Protein backbone atom coordinates (compact mmCIF):
# COMPACT_ATOMS: atom_id res chain seq x y z
CA UNK A 1 6.52 18.47 -8.83
CA UNK A 2 3.26 20.09 -9.90
CA UNK A 3 0.15 19.44 -7.82
CA UNK A 4 -1.58 18.55 -11.07
CA UNK A 5 0.97 16.04 -12.35
CA UNK A 6 2.73 12.97 -10.98
CA UNK A 7 4.90 10.15 -12.29
CA UNK A 8 2.90 6.95 -12.84
CA UNK A 9 4.96 3.79 -13.26
CA UNK A 10 2.11 1.39 -13.98
CA UNK A 11 -1.62 1.25 -14.57
CA UNK A 12 -2.64 -2.33 -13.92
CA UNK A 13 -5.95 -3.40 -15.36
CA UNK A 14 -8.21 -6.20 -14.17
CA UNK A 15 -6.72 -6.24 -10.66
CA UNK A 16 -8.45 -8.74 -8.40
CA UNK A 17 -6.53 -8.27 -5.14
CA UNK A 18 -6.44 -4.48 -4.69
CA UNK A 19 -9.97 -3.95 -3.42
CA UNK A 20 -13.50 -5.25 -3.97
CA UNK A 21 -14.48 -6.36 -7.45
CA UNK A 22 -12.42 -5.83 -10.59
CA UNK A 23 -10.20 -2.77 -10.28
CA UNK A 24 -7.73 -0.65 -12.17
CA UNK A 25 -4.70 0.10 -10.00
CA UNK A 26 -2.73 3.29 -10.55
CA UNK A 27 0.84 3.09 -9.23
CA UNK A 28 2.51 6.42 -8.38
CA UNK A 29 6.29 6.76 -8.01
CA UNK A 30 7.78 8.02 -4.77
CA UNK A 31 7.96 6.59 -1.24
CA UNK A 32 9.42 7.80 2.09
CA UNK A 33 10.38 4.25 3.07
CA UNK A 34 13.12 1.94 1.84
CA UNK A 35 11.80 -1.44 2.93
CA UNK A 36 14.42 -4.12 2.39
CA UNK A 37 11.80 -6.44 0.87
CA UNK A 38 10.19 -3.89 -1.48
CA UNK A 39 8.90 -5.73 -4.56
CA UNK A 40 8.56 -2.53 -6.60
CA UNK A 41 11.96 -0.81 -6.24
CA UNK A 42 11.13 1.34 -9.26
CA UNK A 43 8.43 2.92 -7.10
CA UNK A 44 10.81 4.39 -4.51
CA UNK A 45 12.23 7.43 -6.33
CA UNK A 46 9.99 10.20 -7.61
CA UNK A 47 11.80 10.62 -10.92
CA UNK A 48 11.46 8.66 -14.15
CA UNK A 49 14.38 6.24 -14.26
CA UNK A 50 15.98 3.70 -16.55
CA UNK A 51 15.07 0.09 -15.77
CA UNK A 52 16.84 -2.27 -18.13
CA UNK A 53 15.90 -1.34 -21.69
CA UNK A 54 12.81 0.58 -20.60
CA UNK A 55 11.88 3.69 -18.66
CA UNK A 56 10.05 3.31 -15.35
CA UNK A 57 7.52 6.10 -15.10
CA UNK A 58 5.50 8.54 -17.15
CA UNK A 59 4.28 11.98 -16.16
CA UNK A 60 0.49 12.07 -16.18
CA UNK A 61 -2.19 14.57 -15.29
CA UNK A 62 -5.34 13.75 -13.37
CA UNK A 63 -7.57 13.93 -16.48
CA UNK A 64 -5.22 11.52 -18.28
CA UNK A 65 -5.37 9.03 -15.42
CA UNK A 66 -9.15 9.23 -15.13
CA UNK A 67 -9.53 8.64 -18.87
CA UNK A 68 -7.37 5.52 -18.61
CA UNK A 69 -9.28 4.23 -15.59
CA UNK A 70 -12.66 4.79 -17.22
CA UNK A 71 -11.70 2.54 -20.14
CA UNK A 72 -12.50 -0.36 -17.80
CA UNK A 73 -15.75 1.10 -16.51
CA UNK A 74 -17.89 -1.80 -17.73
CA UNK A 75 -15.98 -4.17 -15.41
CA UNK A 76 -16.54 -1.93 -12.38
CA UNK A 77 -20.29 -1.80 -12.86
CA UNK A 78 -20.60 -5.58 -13.11
CA UNK A 79 -18.29 -6.36 -10.18
CA UNK A 80 -18.64 -3.35 -7.83
CA UNK A 81 -15.00 -2.55 -8.59
CA UNK A 82 -13.26 0.74 -9.28
CA UNK A 83 -9.93 2.55 -9.00
CA UNK A 84 -7.19 1.75 -6.50
CA UNK A 85 -4.24 4.13 -6.01
CA UNK A 86 -0.98 2.53 -4.94
CA UNK A 87 2.74 3.15 -5.14
CA UNK A 88 5.28 3.77 -3.83
CA UNK A 89 3.30 5.71 -1.31
CA UNK A 90 0.47 7.56 -3.06
CA UNK A 91 -0.21 9.98 -0.21
CA UNK A 92 3.26 11.57 -0.37
CA UNK A 93 1.88 13.29 -3.46
CA UNK A 94 -0.48 15.15 -1.16
CA UNK A 95 -2.81 17.42 -3.10
CA UNK A 96 -2.36 15.50 -6.33
CA UNK A 97 -3.66 12.25 -4.84
CA UNK A 98 -6.46 14.01 -2.97
CA UNK A 99 -7.55 15.74 -6.19
CA UNK A 100 -7.32 12.45 -8.10
CA UNK A 101 -9.59 10.73 -5.58
CA UNK A 102 -11.99 13.66 -5.57
CA UNK A 103 -12.18 13.57 -9.37
CA UNK A 104 -12.74 9.82 -9.33
CA UNK A 105 -15.74 10.29 -7.02
CA UNK A 106 -17.04 12.99 -9.36
CA UNK A 107 -16.99 10.29 -12.05
CA UNK A 108 -18.87 7.90 -9.73
CA UNK A 109 -15.89 5.57 -9.31
CA UNK A 110 -15.38 3.43 -6.21
CA UNK A 111 -11.99 4.30 -4.72
CA UNK A 112 -9.38 2.46 -2.68
CA UNK A 113 -5.84 3.22 -1.61
CA UNK A 114 -2.83 1.19 -0.47
CA UNK A 115 -0.78 3.14 2.06
CA UNK A 116 2.14 2.51 4.40
CA UNK A 117 0.68 5.17 6.71
CA UNK A 118 4.00 7.05 6.89
CA UNK A 119 2.43 10.29 5.68
CA UNK A 120 1.18 13.62 6.98
CA UNK A 121 -1.92 13.07 9.10
CA UNK A 122 -3.85 15.93 7.49
CA UNK A 123 -3.26 14.46 4.03
CA UNK A 124 -4.51 11.02 5.11
CA UNK A 125 -7.61 12.47 6.76
CA UNK A 126 -8.46 14.68 3.78
CA UNK A 127 -7.98 11.78 1.36
CA UNK A 128 -10.12 9.48 3.51
CA UNK A 129 -13.29 11.44 2.78
CA UNK A 130 -12.99 10.39 -0.89
CA UNK A 131 -12.23 6.72 -0.20
CA UNK A 132 -14.37 3.60 0.02
CA UNK A 133 -11.53 1.34 1.17
CA UNK A 134 -8.11 1.82 2.79
CA UNK A 135 -5.47 -0.90 2.80
CA UNK A 136 -3.14 0.09 5.61
CA UNK A 137 0.21 -1.54 6.37
CA UNK A 138 1.39 -2.22 9.91
CA UNK A 139 4.77 -3.87 9.51
CA UNK A 140 6.05 -4.00 13.11
CA UNK A 141 5.42 -2.33 16.45
CA UNK A 142 9.11 -2.58 17.37
CA UNK A 143 10.23 0.99 16.67
CA UNK A 144 13.98 0.38 16.35
CA UNK A 145 13.52 -2.71 14.19
CA UNK A 146 10.98 -0.90 12.02
CA UNK A 147 13.38 1.97 11.43
CA UNK A 148 16.30 -0.38 10.72
CA UNK A 149 14.37 -2.38 8.09
CA UNK A 150 12.34 0.41 6.46
CA UNK A 151 14.37 3.56 7.05
CA UNK A 152 11.49 5.20 8.92
CA UNK A 153 10.04 5.10 12.43
CA UNK A 154 6.58 3.61 12.96
CA UNK A 155 5.22 6.23 15.39
CA UNK A 156 3.20 8.33 12.99
CA UNK A 157 1.96 5.15 11.27
CA UNK A 158 0.15 3.92 14.39
CA UNK A 159 -0.95 7.46 15.29
CA UNK A 160 -2.39 7.97 11.82
CA UNK A 161 -4.33 4.72 11.96
CA UNK A 162 -5.89 5.74 15.27
CA UNK A 163 -6.75 9.15 13.81
CA UNK A 164 -8.43 7.90 10.63
CA UNK A 165 -10.44 5.31 12.57
CA UNK A 166 -11.57 7.98 15.01
CA UNK A 167 -12.66 10.44 12.32
CA UNK A 168 -14.14 7.87 9.91
CA UNK A 169 -15.49 5.03 12.07
CA UNK A 170 -17.54 3.53 9.22
CA UNK A 171 -14.78 3.57 6.63
CA UNK A 172 -13.71 0.12 5.41
CA UNK A 173 -10.10 -0.24 6.61
CA UNK A 174 -8.11 -3.43 6.06
CA UNK A 175 -4.82 -3.60 7.97
CA UNK A 176 -2.14 -5.77 6.39
CA UNK A 177 1.21 -7.10 7.55
CA UNK A 178 3.73 -8.43 5.04
CA UNK A 179 5.42 -11.38 6.76
CA UNK A 180 9.15 -10.95 6.16
CA UNK A 181 11.85 -13.55 7.02
CA UNK A 182 14.13 -12.34 9.79
CA UNK A 183 11.97 -9.28 10.47
CA UNK A 184 8.50 -10.14 11.74
CA UNK A 185 8.02 -13.84 10.92
CA UNK A 186 7.45 -14.81 14.55
CA UNK A 187 4.52 -15.12 16.91
CA UNK A 188 5.67 -12.34 19.26
CA UNK A 189 5.59 -9.66 16.56
CA UNK A 190 2.24 -10.74 15.17
CA UNK A 191 0.70 -10.95 18.65
CA UNK A 192 1.79 -7.39 19.41
CA UNK A 193 0.16 -6.17 16.22
CA UNK A 194 -3.05 -8.12 16.90
CA UNK A 195 -3.25 -6.76 20.44
CA UNK A 196 -2.79 -3.20 19.17
CA UNK A 197 -5.51 -3.69 16.52
CA UNK A 198 -7.96 -5.09 19.06
CA UNK A 199 -7.22 -2.17 21.35
CA UNK A 200 -8.19 0.39 18.68
CA UNK A 201 -11.23 -1.59 17.51
CA UNK A 202 -9.85 -2.70 14.15
CA UNK A 203 -11.99 -5.46 12.59
CA UNK A 204 -10.11 -6.57 9.46
CA UNK A 205 -6.54 -7.85 9.37
CA UNK A 206 -4.56 -9.80 6.78
CA UNK A 207 -1.12 -11.40 6.70
CA UNK A 208 0.67 -11.27 3.35
CA UNK A 209 3.27 -13.87 2.44
CA UNK A 210 6.75 -12.68 1.50
CA UNK A 211 7.77 -13.27 -2.11
CA UNK A 212 10.78 -12.46 -4.27
CA UNK A 213 8.95 -11.48 -7.47
CA UNK A 214 10.69 -8.09 -7.54
CA UNK A 215 14.25 -9.44 -7.50
CA UNK A 216 14.76 -9.07 -11.26
CA UNK A 217 13.72 -5.41 -11.05
CA UNK A 218 16.66 -4.64 -8.77
CA UNK A 219 18.99 -6.14 -11.35
CA UNK A 220 17.46 -3.99 -14.12
CA UNK A 221 17.90 -0.90 -11.93
CA UNK A 222 21.52 -1.84 -11.23
CA UNK A 223 20.89 -2.39 -7.52
CA UNK A 224 21.60 -5.28 -5.17
CA UNK A 225 18.59 -7.19 -3.87
CA UNK A 226 18.68 -6.52 -0.09
CA UNK A 227 16.95 -9.76 0.94
CA UNK A 228 19.48 -12.02 -0.85
CA UNK A 229 18.18 -15.62 -0.53
CA UNK A 230 15.93 -15.10 2.50
CA UNK A 231 12.84 -17.30 2.61
CA UNK A 232 10.06 -18.13 5.03
CA UNK A 233 10.22 -21.48 6.78
CA UNK A 234 7.58 -23.98 5.77
CA UNK A 235 4.48 -23.65 7.91
CA UNK A 236 5.23 -20.07 9.00
CA UNK A 237 2.19 -18.50 7.37
CA UNK A 238 -0.19 -21.15 8.73
CA UNK A 239 1.22 -20.74 12.24
CA UNK A 240 0.98 -16.95 12.17
CA UNK A 241 -2.50 -16.98 10.68
CA UNK A 242 -3.53 -19.24 13.54
CA UNK A 243 -2.14 -16.64 15.95
CA UNK A 244 -4.23 -13.93 14.24
CA UNK A 245 -7.21 -16.27 14.44
CA UNK A 246 -6.87 -16.39 18.21
CA UNK A 247 -7.73 -12.67 18.19
CA UNK A 248 -10.72 -13.15 15.92
CA UNK A 249 -9.01 -12.21 12.66
CA UNK A 250 -9.63 -14.54 9.70
C-alpha cells in the first residue's frame, strides 16, 4: 500500500465522543488485533471488501481526506473540535497516518487519534508530535488472556504508553478500557489497570460499556459474531466505575 494512500471505510461527521468539541472522524481500514468484541469488523482487513450490498472501504489520498474534513471547519472553530483518526488501528499505516496528521496541523486543525497501542513505538512517538489528544486502549494486563481474546500480546501496548508519556508529558492522553463480559468485567482486572495507571502517572481513565451494535455487520460480511449472546450483568458498570473512583479516576 502506498504511503500516500490508504483505505478509508468511513468519514463520520459531527462526532461528539471522539475528542473535544465537534469532530470529523476518519476511519482507516486495517488492524493487527482481532478482538472478539470488535464493533467494526469491516475495519480489520486492509482491503476493500464486500459488506452486504455495499463495499466497505474507499482508497483515498491525504489531500482528499483533508478536503473532506475541512468541509466541517465552521463547527471546529465554534466548538474547539477538529479531526480524529480512528480505525481499525490508524498507526499501522505508519507514514501515511503521520503525514495525514502533519498535514492537518498545517491546516490548523486540532487532531486526535484512537489507538490500541499495538504498534511500532517509533511510529507512535512520531505521530504524537502532531496530536492534541490520544485515546489509548488498555484492555487487560493479563498477558495470556489478552492474547487469547485479541490475538496479540499486551507487552508493547504498556511499553508504548510509558514511552509516549515519558516523551510527551504534557500531551492529553485518555486511557480507555472497554468492559467486556467474560473478559475483564471484574474488579480484579480493573484494579490491576488502575494500579498500573497510577504507577505511570496517568491522570485520565474511562470505562466503556460493551455493546452489540456491530453484530449485523458480521452477518453482512458473512462471519459469525464471536460474542454470541454475551451481555454485562446489571450493575457491572456502576460497580467497576466505583472501583476506578477509588483510585481517583472519574
